[in-house]
C-alpha atoms as a PDB file:
ATOM      1  CA  UNK A   1     -73.443  13.732  27.631  1.00  0.00           C
ATOM      2  CA  UNK A   2     -69.607  13.764  27.546  1.00  0.00           C
ATOM      3  CA  UNK A   3     -67.406  10.736  27.653  1.00  0.00           C
ATOM      4  CA  UNK A   4     -65.025  12.208  30.272  1.00  0.00           C
ATOM      5  CA  UNK A   5     -63.241  10.805  33.358  1.00  0.00           C
ATOM      6  CA  UNK A   6     -63.648  13.596  35.826  1.00  0.00           C
ATOM      7  CA  UNK A   7     -62.939  13.269  39.709  1.00  0.00           C
ATOM      8  CA  UNK A   8     -64.700  15.755  41.761  1.00  0.00           C
ATOM      9  CA  UNK A   9     -63.642  15.908  45.324  1.00  0.00           C
ATOM     10  CA  UNK A  10     -65.630  17.742  47.853  1.00  0.00           C
ATOM     11  CA  UNK A  11     -65.267  19.015  51.497  1.00  0.00           C
ATOM     12  CA  UNK A  12     -67.607  19.442  54.110  1.00  0.00           C
ATOM     13  CA  UNK A  13     -70.656  21.656  53.050  1.00  0.00           C
ATOM     14  CA  UNK A  14     -69.483  21.624  49.587  1.00  0.00           C
ATOM     15  CA  UNK A  15     -70.203  24.363  46.969  1.00  0.00           C
ATOM     16  CA  UNK A  16     -69.991  21.612  44.773  1.00  0.00           C
ATOM     17  CA  UNK A  17     -73.401  20.356  46.058  1.00  0.00           C
ATOM     18  CA  UNK A  18     -75.072  22.750  43.897  1.00  0.00           C
ATOM     19  CA  UNK A  19     -73.237  21.614  40.854  1.00  0.00           C
ATOM     20  CA  UNK A  20     -74.451  17.893  40.931  1.00  0.00           C
ATOM     21  CA  UNK A  21     -76.781  18.364  38.099  1.00  0.00           C
ATOM     22  CA  UNK A  22     -74.242  19.939  35.744  1.00  0.00           C
ATOM     23  CA  UNK A  23     -71.778  17.172  36.807  1.00  0.00           C
ATOM     24  CA  UNK A  24     -74.285  14.487  35.267  1.00  0.00           C
ATOM     25  CA  UNK A  25     -73.121  15.906  31.795  1.00  0.00           C
ATOM     26  CA  UNK A  26     -70.113  13.935  32.233  1.00  0.00           C
ATOM     27  CA  UNK A  27     -70.934  10.354  32.318  1.00  0.00           C
ATOM     28  CA  UNK A  28     -67.699   9.026  33.592  1.00  0.00           C
ATOM     29  CA  UNK A  29     -67.262  11.435  36.566  1.00  0.00           C
ATOM     30  CA  UNK A  30     -66.737  10.134  40.076  1.00  0.00           C
ATOM     31  CA  UNK A  31     -67.534  12.100  43.300  1.00  0.00           C
ATOM     32  CA  UNK A  32     -65.443  11.394  46.402  1.00  0.00           C
ATOM     33  CA  UNK A  33     -65.335  13.049  49.811  1.00  0.00           C
ATOM     34  CA  UNK A  34     -61.866  13.919  51.239  1.00  0.00           C
ATOM     35  CA  UNK A  35     -58.373  13.928  49.595  1.00  0.00           C
ATOM     36  CA  UNK A  36     -57.512  10.462  50.528  1.00  0.00           C
ATOM     37  CA  UNK A  37     -60.510   9.038  49.012  1.00  0.00           C
ATOM     38  CA  UNK A  38     -59.621  10.844  45.981  1.00  0.00           C
ATOM     39  CA  UNK A  39     -56.204   9.736  46.005  1.00  0.00           C
ATOM     40  CA  UNK A  40     -57.276   5.854  46.319  1.00  0.00           C
ATOM     41  CA  UNK A  41     -59.620   6.496  43.243  1.00  0.00           C
ATOM     42  CA  UNK A  42     -56.754   8.111  41.196  1.00  0.00           C
ATOM     43  CA  UNK A  43     -54.207   5.263  42.164  1.00  0.00           C
ATOM     44  CA  UNK A  44     -56.770   2.559  40.666  1.00  0.00           C
ATOM     45  CA  UNK A  45     -57.676   4.741  37.560  1.00  0.00           C
ATOM     46  CA  UNK A  46     -56.368   8.103  36.134  1.00  0.00           C
ATOM     47  CA  UNK A  47     -58.607  10.940  35.483  1.00  0.00           C
ATOM     48  CA  UNK A  48     -58.167  13.785  32.899  1.00  0.00           C
ATOM     49  CA  UNK A  49     -59.689  16.386  35.383  1.00  0.00           C
ATOM     50  CA  UNK A  50     -59.687  16.630  39.041  1.00  0.00           C
ATOM     51  CA  UNK A  51     -61.951  19.737  40.284  1.00  0.00           C
ATOM     52  CA  UNK A  52     -61.253  20.112  43.681  1.00  0.00           C
ATOM     53  CA  UNK A  53     -62.388  22.774  46.589  1.00  0.00           C
ATOM     54  CA  UNK A  54     -59.752  24.525  48.292  1.00  0.00           C
ATOM     55  CA  UNK A  55     -60.613  22.921  51.832  1.00  0.00           C
ATOM     56  CA  UNK A  56     -61.200  19.168  51.585  1.00  0.00           C
ATOM     57  CA  UNK A  57     -61.037  17.669  54.950  1.00  0.00           C
ATOM     58  CA  UNK A  58     -57.660  16.014  55.380  1.00  0.00           C
ATOM     59  CA  UNK A  59     -55.711  18.320  53.153  1.00  0.00           C
ATOM     60  CA  UNK A  60     -55.880  21.334  51.370  1.00  0.00           C
ATOM     61  CA  UNK A  61     -56.792  21.323  47.551  1.00  0.00           C
ATOM     62  CA  UNK A  62     -53.487  22.540  47.008  1.00  0.00           C
ATOM     63  CA  UNK A  63     -51.698  19.796  48.880  1.00  0.00           C
ATOM     64  CA  UNK A  64     -53.940  17.521  47.119  1.00  0.00           C
ATOM     65  CA  UNK A  65     -53.022  18.565  43.811  1.00  0.00           C
ATOM     66  CA  UNK A  66     -49.243  18.008  44.635  1.00  0.00           C
ATOM     67  CA  UNK A  67     -49.951  14.530  45.496  1.00  0.00           C
ATOM     68  CA  UNK A  68     -51.590  14.094  42.097  1.00  0.00           C
ATOM     69  CA  UNK A  69     -48.749  15.403  40.280  1.00  0.00           C
ATOM     70  CA  UNK A  70     -46.646  12.806  42.208  1.00  0.00           C
ATOM     71  CA  UNK A  71     -48.935  10.013  41.002  1.00  0.00           C
ATOM     72  CA  UNK A  72     -48.790  11.509  37.541  1.00  0.00           C
ATOM     73  CA  UNK A  73     -44.890  11.491  37.489  1.00  0.00           C
ATOM     74  CA  UNK A  74     -45.187   7.718  38.346  1.00  0.00           C
ATOM     75  CA  UNK A  75     -47.502   6.641  35.730  1.00  0.00           C
ATOM     76  CA  UNK A  76     -46.478   9.324  33.068  1.00  0.00           C
ATOM     77  CA  UNK A  77     -49.845  11.003  32.890  1.00  0.00           C
ATOM     78  CA  UNK A  78     -51.273  14.234  33.084  1.00  0.00           C
ATOM     79  CA  UNK A  79     -54.266  15.285  35.121  1.00  0.00           C
ATOM     80  CA  UNK A  80     -55.801  18.883  34.813  1.00  0.00           C
ATOM     81  CA  UNK A  81     -56.601  20.258  38.264  1.00  0.00           C
ATOM     82  CA  UNK A  82     -58.996  22.695  38.593  1.00  0.00           C
ATOM     83  CA  UNK A  83     -59.148  24.598  42.058  1.00  0.00           C
ATOM     84  CA  UNK A  84     -62.155  26.065  43.479  1.00  0.00           C
ATOM     85  CA  UNK A  85     -61.899  28.528  46.395  1.00  0.00           C
ATOM     86  CA  UNK A  86     -60.034  31.736  47.701  1.00  0.00           C
ATOM     87  CA  UNK A  87     -56.162  31.290  47.713  1.00  0.00           C
ATOM     88  CA  UNK A  88     -53.477  33.874  49.317  1.00  0.00           C
ATOM     89  CA  UNK A  89     -52.257  36.198  46.436  1.00  0.00           C
ATOM     90  CA  UNK A  90     -48.703  35.404  47.721  1.00  0.00           C
ATOM     91  CA  UNK A  91     -49.405  31.707  47.407  1.00  0.00           C
ATOM     92  CA  UNK A  92     -50.677  32.084  43.831  1.00  0.00           C
ATOM     93  CA  UNK A  93     -47.402  33.700  42.742  1.00  0.00           C
ATOM     94  CA  UNK A  94     -45.274  30.950  43.774  1.00  0.00           C
ATOM     95  CA  UNK A  95     -44.086  28.158  41.146  1.00  0.00           C
ATOM     96  CA  UNK A  96     -45.023  25.394  43.212  1.00  0.00           C
ATOM     97  CA  UNK A  97     -48.480  26.629  43.067  1.00  0.00           C
ATOM     98  CA  UNK A  98     -48.385  26.881  39.431  1.00  0.00           C
ATOM     99  CA  UNK A  99     -46.847  23.500  39.054  1.00  0.00           C
ATOM    100  CA  UNK A 100     -49.424  21.853  40.775  1.00  0.00           C
ATOM    101  CA  UNK A 101     -52.605  23.591  39.847  1.00  0.00           C
ATOM    102  CA  UNK A 102     -53.883  24.295  36.552  1.00  0.00           C
ATOM    103  CA  UNK A 103     -56.825  26.593  36.901  1.00  0.00           C
ATOM    104  CA  UNK A 104     -58.354  28.354  39.683  1.00  0.00           C
ATOM    105  CA  UNK A 105     -61.910  29.758  40.075  1.00  0.00           C
ATOM    106  CA  UNK A 106     -63.865  31.319  42.945  1.00  0.00           C
ATOM    107  CA  UNK A 107     -66.775  29.975  44.594  1.00  0.00           C
ATOM    108  CA  UNK A 108     -69.032  32.282  43.162  1.00  0.00           C
ATOM    109  CA  UNK A 109     -68.132  31.584  39.607  1.00  0.00           C
ATOM    110  CA  UNK A 110     -68.944  27.834  39.832  1.00  0.00           C
ATOM    111  CA  UNK A 111     -71.241  28.562  36.663  1.00  0.00           C
ATOM    112  CA  UNK A 112     -67.875  28.559  34.463  1.00  0.00           C
ATOM    113  CA  UNK A 113     -66.783  24.901  35.966  1.00  0.00           C
ATOM    114  CA  UNK A 114     -68.203  23.204  32.750  1.00  0.00           C
ATOM    115  CA  UNK A 115     -66.166  25.126  30.448  1.00  0.00           C
ATOM    116  CA  UNK A 116     -63.262  24.976  32.573  1.00  0.00           C
ATOM    117  CA  UNK A 117     -63.619  21.124  32.662  1.00  0.00           C
ATOM    118  CA  UNK A 118     -64.161  20.836  29.093  1.00  0.00           C
ATOM    119  CA  UNK A 119     -61.171  23.113  28.372  1.00  0.00           C
ATOM    120  CA  UNK A 120     -59.223  21.047  30.751  1.00  0.00           C
ATOM    121  CA  UNK A 121     -59.902  17.748  29.252  1.00  0.00           C
ATOM    122  CA  UNK A 122     -58.817  19.213  25.830  1.00  0.00           C
ATOM    123  CA  UNK A 123     -55.156  20.158  27.562  1.00  0.00           C
ATOM    124  CA  UNK A 124     -55.285  17.028  29.332  1.00  0.00           C
ATOM    125  CA  UNK A 125     -55.856  14.934  26.318  1.00  0.00           C
ATOM    126  CA  UNK A 126     -53.484  16.520  24.100  1.00  0.00           C
ATOM    127  CA  UNK A 127     -50.426  16.211  26.639  1.00  0.00           C
ATOM    128  CA  UNK A 128     -51.389  12.693  27.379  1.00  0.00           C
ATOM    129  CA  UNK A 129     -51.333  11.963  23.599  1.00  0.00           C
ATOM    130  CA  UNK A 130     -48.162  13.840  23.366  1.00  0.00           C
ATOM    131  CA  UNK A 131     -46.509  11.553  26.150  1.00  0.00           C
ATOM    132  CA  UNK A 132     -47.792   8.680  24.514  1.00  0.00           C
ATOM    133  CA  UNK A 133     -46.180   9.303  21.320  1.00  0.00           C
ATOM    134  CA  UNK A 134     -42.840  10.691  23.154  1.00  0.00           C
ATOM    135  CA  UNK A 135     -42.745   7.217  24.858  1.00  0.00           C
ATOM    136  CA  UNK A 136     -43.346   5.213  21.579  1.00  0.00           C
ATOM    137  CA  UNK A 137     -40.644   7.392  19.844  1.00  0.00           C
ATOM    138  CA  UNK A 138     -38.159   6.485  22.558  1.00  0.00           C
ATOM    139  CA  UNK A 139     -38.779   2.842  22.148  1.00  0.00           C
ATOM    140  CA  UNK A 140     -37.981   3.352  18.321  1.00  0.00           C
ATOM    141  CA  UNK A 141     -34.892   5.280  19.162  1.00  0.00           C
ATOM    142  CA  UNK A 142     -33.903   2.504  21.509  1.00  0.00           C
ATOM    143  CA  UNK A 143     -34.772  -0.258  19.143  1.00  0.00           C
ATOM    144  CA  UNK A 144     -32.587   1.759  16.315  1.00  0.00           C
ATOM    145  CA  UNK A 145     -29.749   2.627  18.687  1.00  0.00           C
ATOM    146  CA  UNK A 146     -29.520  -1.432  19.466  1.00  0.00           C
ATOM    147  CA  UNK A 147     -29.294  -1.833  15.773  1.00  0.00           C
ATOM    148  CA  UNK A 148     -26.753   0.885  15.337  1.00  0.00           C
ATOM    149  CA  UNK A 149     -24.610  -0.841  17.756  1.00  0.00           C
ATOM    150  CA  UNK A 150     -23.924  -3.704  15.373  1.00  0.00           C
ATOM    151  CA  UNK A 151     -21.285  -3.510  12.603  1.00  0.00           C
ATOM    152  CA  UNK A 152     -23.148  -4.624   9.368  1.00  0.00           C
ATOM    153  CA  UNK A 153     -20.362  -6.633   7.922  1.00  0.00           C
ATOM    154  CA  UNK A 154     -19.199  -8.897  10.756  1.00  0.00           C
ATOM    155  CA  UNK A 155     -22.435  -8.843  12.756  1.00  0.00           C
ATOM    156  CA  UNK A 156     -20.499  -8.004  16.286  1.00  0.00           C
ATOM    157  CA  UNK A 157     -20.553  -4.578  17.984  1.00  0.00           C
ATOM    158  CA  UNK A 158     -19.341  -1.612  16.485  1.00  0.00           C
ATOM    159  CA  UNK A 159     -17.180   1.590  17.689  1.00  0.00           C
ATOM    160  CA  UNK A 160     -19.864   2.679  19.670  1.00  0.00           C
ATOM    161  CA  UNK A 161     -20.608  -0.773  21.399  1.00  0.00           C
ATOM    162  CA  UNK A 162     -16.799  -1.038  22.278  1.00  0.00           C
ATOM    163  CA  UNK A 163     -16.959   2.259  23.994  1.00  0.00           C
ATOM    164  CA  UNK A 164     -20.250   1.486  25.837  1.00  0.00           C
ATOM    165  CA  UNK A 165     -18.657  -1.954  27.109  1.00  0.00           C
ATOM    166  CA  UNK A 166     -15.226  -0.442  27.822  1.00  0.00           C
ATOM    167  CA  UNK A 167     -16.925   2.212  30.133  1.00  0.00           C
ATOM    168  CA  UNK A 168     -19.293  -0.554  31.739  1.00  0.00           C
ATOM    169  CA  UNK A 169     -16.341  -2.455  32.625  1.00  0.00           C
ATOM    170  CA  UNK A 170     -14.457   0.174  34.084  1.00  0.00           C
ATOM    171  CA  UNK A 171     -17.339   1.101  36.212  1.00  0.00           C
ATOM    172  CA  UNK A 172     -17.769  -2.752  37.551  1.00  0.00           C
ATOM    173  CA  UNK A 173     -13.857  -2.531  38.339  1.00  0.00           C
ATOM    174  CA  UNK A 174     -14.607   0.637  40.210  1.00  0.00           C
ATOM    175  CA  UNK A 175     -17.284  -1.259  42.333  1.00  0.00           C
ATOM    176  CA  UNK A 176     -16.332  -4.904  42.535  1.00  0.00           C
ATOM    177  CA  UNK A 177     -12.125  -4.707  41.663  1.00  0.00           C
ATOM    178  CA  UNK A 178     -10.137  -6.652  39.221  1.00  0.00           C
ATOM    179  CA  UNK A 179      -8.990  -5.071  35.870  1.00  0.00           C
ATOM    180  CA  UNK A 180     -10.684  -3.750  32.894  1.00  0.00           C
ATOM    181  CA  UNK A 181      -8.617  -4.768  30.195  1.00  0.00           C
ATOM    182  CA  UNK A 182      -8.692  -3.429  26.147  1.00  0.00           C
ATOM    183  CA  UNK A 183      -7.058  -5.272  23.373  1.00  0.00           C
ATOM    184  CA  UNK A 184      -6.737  -3.743  20.077  1.00  0.00           C
ATOM    185  CA  UNK A 185      -6.156  -6.230  17.112  1.00  0.00           C
ATOM    186  CA  UNK A 186      -4.904  -4.516  13.884  1.00  0.00           C
ATOM    187  CA  UNK A 187      -5.141  -6.295  10.277  1.00  0.00           C
ATOM    188  CA  UNK A 188      -2.105  -4.194   9.269  1.00  0.00           C
ATOM    189  CA  UNK A 189      -2.332  -5.477   5.278  1.00  0.00           C
ATOM    190  CA  UNK A 190      -6.040  -4.511   5.312  1.00  0.00           C
ATOM    191  CA  UNK A 191      -5.901  -1.798   2.738  1.00  0.00           C
ATOM    192  CA  UNK A 192      -3.148  -3.616   0.898  1.00  0.00           C
ATOM    193  CA  UNK A 193      -5.548  -6.632   0.650  1.00  0.00           C
ATOM    194  CA  UNK A 194      -8.341  -3.860  -0.527  1.00  0.00           C
ATOM    195  CA  UNK A 195      -6.126  -2.232  -3.282  1.00  0.00           C
ATOM    196  CA  UNK A 196      -4.784  -5.742  -4.648  1.00  0.00           C
ATOM    197  CA  UNK A 197      -8.414  -6.886  -4.950  1.00  0.00           C
ATOM    198  CA  UNK A 198     -11.422  -5.040  -3.865  1.00  0.00           C
ATOM    199  CA  UNK A 199     -13.886  -4.177  -0.763  1.00  0.00           C
ATOM    200  CA  UNK A 200     -15.479  -7.649  -1.105  1.00  0.00           C
ATOM    201  CA  UNK A 201     -12.345  -9.637  -0.873  1.00  0.00           C
ATOM    202  CA  UNK A 202     -11.237  -7.462   2.192  1.00  0.00           C
ATOM    203  CA  UNK A 203     -14.366  -7.809   3.754  1.00  0.00           C
ATOM    204  CA  UNK A 204     -14.376 -11.683   3.432  1.00  0.00           C
ATOM    205  CA  UNK A 205     -11.063 -11.404   5.000  1.00  0.00           C
ATOM    206  CA  UNK A 206     -12.361  -9.117   7.913  1.00  0.00           C
ATOM    207  CA  UNK A 207     -15.417 -11.511   8.395  1.00  0.00           C
ATOM    208  CA  UNK A 208     -13.129 -14.574   8.504  1.00  0.00           C
ATOM    209  CA  UNK A 209     -10.651 -12.880  11.303  1.00  0.00           C
ATOM    210  CA  UNK A 210     -13.724 -11.699  13.165  1.00  0.00           C
ATOM    211  CA  UNK A 211     -14.996 -15.327  13.521  1.00  0.00           C
ATOM    212  CA  UNK A 212     -11.455 -16.453  14.540  1.00  0.00           C
ATOM    213  CA  UNK A 213     -11.074 -13.810  17.269  1.00  0.00           C
ATOM    214  CA  UNK A 214     -14.463 -14.982  18.428  1.00  0.00           C
ATOM    215  CA  UNK A 215     -13.549 -18.969  18.649  1.00  0.00           C
ATOM    216  CA  UNK A 216     -10.276 -17.676  20.528  1.00  0.00           C
ATOM    217  CA  UNK A 217     -11.843 -15.328  23.368  1.00  0.00           C
ATOM    218  CA  UNK A 218     -14.004 -16.736  26.313  1.00  0.00           C
ATOM    219  CA  UNK A 219     -17.854 -16.242  25.917  1.00  0.00           C
ATOM    220  CA  UNK A 220     -18.246 -13.319  28.244  1.00  0.00           C
ATOM    221  CA  UNK A 221     -15.298 -11.230  26.323  1.00  0.00           C
ATOM    222  CA  UNK A 222     -16.786  -8.427  24.020  1.00  0.00           C
ATOM    223  CA  UNK A 223     -15.556  -8.593  20.725  1.00  0.00           C
ATOM    224  CA  UNK A 224     -15.875  -5.604  18.083  1.00  0.00           C
ATOM    225  CA  UNK A 225     -15.240  -4.249  14.869  1.00  0.00           C
ATOM    226  CA  UNK A 226     -13.863  -0.777  16.175  1.00  0.00           C
ATOM    227  CA  UNK A 227     -12.966   0.735  12.674  1.00  0.00           C
ATOM    228  CA  UNK A 228     -11.824  -0.778   9.193  1.00  0.00           C
ATOM    229  CA  UNK A 229      -9.093  -3.263   9.848  1.00  0.00           C
ATOM    230  CA  UNK A 230      -9.434  -2.769  13.468  1.00  0.00           C
ATOM    231  CA  UNK A 231     -11.096  -5.106  16.446  1.00  0.00           C
ATOM    232  CA  UNK A 232     -11.396  -4.145  19.871  1.00  0.00           C
ATOM    233  CA  UNK A 233     -11.674  -6.744  22.636  1.00  0.00           C
ATOM    234  CA  UNK A 234     -13.064  -5.629  26.160  1.00  0.00           C
ATOM    235  CA  UNK A 235     -12.144  -7.873  28.869  1.00  0.00           C
ATOM    236  CA  UNK A 236     -12.599  -8.095  32.659  1.00  0.00           C
ATOM    237  CA  UNK A 237      -9.733  -9.739  34.392  1.00  0.00           C
ATOM    238  CA  UNK A 238      -9.388 -10.661  38.516  1.00  0.00           C
ATOM    239  CA  UNK A 239      -6.189  -8.671  38.619  1.00  0.00           C
ATOM    240  CA  UNK A 240      -3.836  -6.682  36.364  1.00  0.00           C
ATOM    241  CA  UNK A 241      -1.171  -9.520  36.570  1.00  0.00           C
ATOM    242  CA  UNK A 242      -3.564 -11.341  33.890  1.00  0.00           C
ATOM    243  CA  UNK A 243      -3.360  -8.510  31.490  1.00  0.00           C
ATOM    244  CA  UNK A 244       0.098  -9.429  30.213  1.00  0.00           C
ATOM    245  CA  UNK A 245       1.419 -10.347  26.486  1.00  0.00           C
ATOM    246  CA  UNK A 246       1.899 -13.954  27.860  1.00  0.00           C
ATOM    247  CA  UNK A 247      -1.846 -13.988  28.729  1.00  0.00           C
ATOM    248  CA  UNK A 248      -2.635 -13.132  25.570  1.00  0.00           C
ATOM    249  CA  UNK A 249       0.062 -14.699  23.226  1.00  0.00           C
ATOM    250  CA  UNK A 250      -2.395 -17.407  22.113  1.00  0.00           C
ATOM    251  CA  UNK A 251      -4.805 -15.269  20.781  1.00  0.00           C
ATOM    252  CA  UNK A 252      -2.042 -13.102  18.734  1.00  0.00           C
ATOM    253  CA  UNK A 253      -0.529 -16.604  17.449  1.00  0.00           C
ATOM    254  CA  UNK A 254      -3.922 -17.853  16.764  1.00  0.00           C
ATOM    255  CA  UNK A 255      -5.134 -14.881  14.525  1.00  0.00           C
ATOM    256  CA  UNK A 256      -1.657 -14.152  12.792  1.00  0.00           C
ATOM    257  CA  UNK A 257      -0.321 -17.859  12.102  1.00  0.00           C
ATOM    258  CA  UNK A 258      -3.435 -18.762   9.972  1.00  0.00           C
ATOM    259  CA  UNK A 259      -4.475 -18.276   6.519  1.00  0.00           C
ATOM    260  CA  UNK A 260      -8.011 -17.099   5.454  1.00  0.00           C
ATOM    261  CA  UNK A 261      -9.970 -18.116   2.833  1.00  0.00           C
ATOM    262  CA  UNK A 262     -11.465 -15.594   0.392  1.00  0.00           C
ATOM    263  CA  UNK A 263     -12.944 -15.476  -3.172  1.00  0.00           C
ATOM    264  CA  UNK A 264      -9.342 -14.351  -4.155  1.00  0.00           C
ATOM    265  CA  UNK A 265      -7.980 -17.314  -2.423  1.00  0.00           C
ATOM    266  CA  UNK A 266      -6.208 -17.951   0.833  1.00  0.00           C
ATOM    267  CA  UNK A 267      -4.971 -14.696   2.480  1.00  0.00           C
ATOM    268  CA  UNK A 268      -2.146 -14.393   5.037  1.00  0.00           C
ATOM    269  CA  UNK A 269      -2.722 -11.434   7.430  1.00  0.00           C
ATOM    270  CA  UNK A 270      -0.130  -8.971   9.284  1.00  0.00           C
ATOM    271  CA  UNK A 271      -1.458  -8.424  12.962  1.00  0.00           C
ATOM    272  CA  UNK A 272      -0.830  -5.762  15.536  1.00  0.00           C
ATOM    273  CA  UNK A 273      -1.961  -6.435  19.457  1.00  0.00           C
ATOM    274  CA  UNK A 274      -2.044  -3.519  22.132  1.00  0.00           C
ATOM    275  CA  UNK A 275      -3.259  -4.242  25.335  1.00  0.00           C
ATOM    276  CA  UNK A 276      -4.362  -1.160  27.642  1.00  0.00           C
ATOM    277  CA  UNK A 277      -5.132  -2.518  31.457  1.00  0.00           C
ATOM    278  CA  UNK A 278      -6.391  -0.426  34.178  1.00  0.00           C
ATOM    279  CA  UNK A 279      -7.586  -1.077  37.819  1.00  0.00           C
ATOM    280  CA  UNK A 280      -9.687   1.016  40.309  1.00  0.00           C
ATOM    281  CA  UNK A 281      -6.276   2.186  41.894  1.00  0.00           C
ATOM    282  CA  UNK A 282      -5.547   4.156  38.557  1.00  0.00           C
ATOM    283  CA  UNK A 283      -8.531   6.582  39.208  1.00  0.00           C
ATOM    284  CA  UNK A 284     -10.903   5.179  36.813  1.00  0.00           C
ATOM    285  CA  UNK A 285      -9.498   6.139  33.521  1.00  0.00           C
ATOM    286  CA  UNK A 286     -12.000   7.144  30.626  1.00  0.00           C
ATOM    287  CA  UNK A 287     -12.847   4.913  27.750  1.00  0.00           C
ATOM    288  CA  UNK A 288     -10.848   7.352  25.392  1.00  0.00           C
ATOM    289  CA  UNK A 289      -7.788   7.349  27.517  1.00  0.00           C
ATOM    290  CA  UNK A 290      -7.367   3.470  27.448  1.00  0.00           C
ATOM    291  CA  UNK A 291      -8.172   3.732  23.592  1.00  0.00           C
ATOM    292  CA  UNK A 292      -5.461   6.282  22.829  1.00  0.00           C
ATOM    293  CA  UNK A 293      -2.845   4.459  24.945  1.00  0.00           C
ATOM    294  CA  UNK A 294      -3.543   1.266  23.129  1.00  0.00           C
ATOM    295  CA  UNK A 295      -3.761   2.772  19.870  1.00  0.00           C
ATOM    296  CA  UNK A 296      -0.329   4.625  20.382  1.00  0.00           C
ATOM    297  CA  UNK A 297       1.425   1.029  20.521  1.00  0.00           C
ATOM    298  CA  UNK A 298      -0.207  -0.578  17.635  1.00  0.00           C
ATOM    299  CA  UNK A 299       2.704   0.195  14.979  1.00  0.00           C
ATOM    300  CA  UNK A 300       5.374  -0.709  17.110  1.00  0.00           C
ATOM    301  CA  UNK A 301       3.652  -4.405  17.706  1.00  0.00           C
ATOM    302  CA  UNK A 302       3.337  -4.778  13.912  1.00  0.00           C
ATOM    303  CA  UNK A 303       7.104  -3.823  13.323  1.00  0.00           C
ATOM    304  CA  UNK A 304       8.302  -5.900  16.385  1.00  0.00           C
ATOM    305  CA  UNK A 305       5.707  -8.847  15.843  1.00  0.00           C
ATOM    306  CA  UNK A 306       4.867  -8.825  19.299  1.00  0.00           C
ATOM    307  CA  UNK A 307       2.323  -7.798  21.761  1.00  0.00           C
ATOM    308  CA  UNK A 308       2.538  -4.351  23.371  1.00  0.00           C
ATOM    309  CA  UNK A 309       1.332  -3.992  26.876  1.00  0.00           C
ATOM    310  CA  UNK A 310       0.732  -0.564  29.052  1.00  0.00           C
ATOM    311  CA  UNK A 311      -0.510  -0.588  32.420  1.00  0.00           C
ATOM    312  CA  UNK A 312      -1.844   2.632  33.789  1.00  0.00           C
ATOM    313  CA  UNK A 313      -0.221   3.159  37.153  1.00  0.00           C
ATOM    314  CA  UNK A 314      -2.004   5.070  40.094  1.00  0.00           C
ATOM    315  CA  UNK A 315      -0.578   8.656  40.368  1.00  0.00           C
END
């Protein structure tokens, strides 16, 4: 006796009545009459193999197979479907038929049904194991991806996280209004600190600046460490008028007018701050466009010791 979930769908005057003794070999078989009954059973409990006749009362076996594929798609399962009966040769050649039906046999060849059922069960089992493994792999990739979105030094988001956050903010502005605002903050003397001391001291400085920035922004603002010596802040504002130098002067001064403790003593920082802002009227700029525009003004910000602002205007 085989432990195999099999559903047998019979129509009126079923040829499968002569196959009942062979079906007893499958300990987990379920016999139903009509397609609707079969679909109700499969909704409650999936099968590895479905054996259906061409005519099963309320719909054809092909229509039943297509409905089973829809159920399979919803639960990420694969059912091997065997159709018994004569099918128009032109119908067999259609892609939709092959997507729905795995195997077909004539009514005079029900003697091979046991072999088709066992073969179908193996195929179904292999495909479902692959589906399960694929789902587990996707979950693992998502978990790894979450870990890869964090900067190991500061513990805040990294470059990829910043770009995701900026893209999400642009999309929200498109649907809800307001303004997307990107603020780049460069520690311009980061390389000088690293050369004068070492990577550890430079890292301590970056961690201290990161903590300072997080204390100066709002709880929902996104703070990321975009690249060595460069922070990216992603914010959503009610209007573009709130994306000005005056609005961010408190953050600018709060970072640059403070010394930061490291193993090599307190270190001063040279800061650049560049802002790029956009509204839905600008035609939804890409995150890279906003990043490039903000990046272009950082050197000037350092030289002039003031915040540089670029508002993307509608074309």
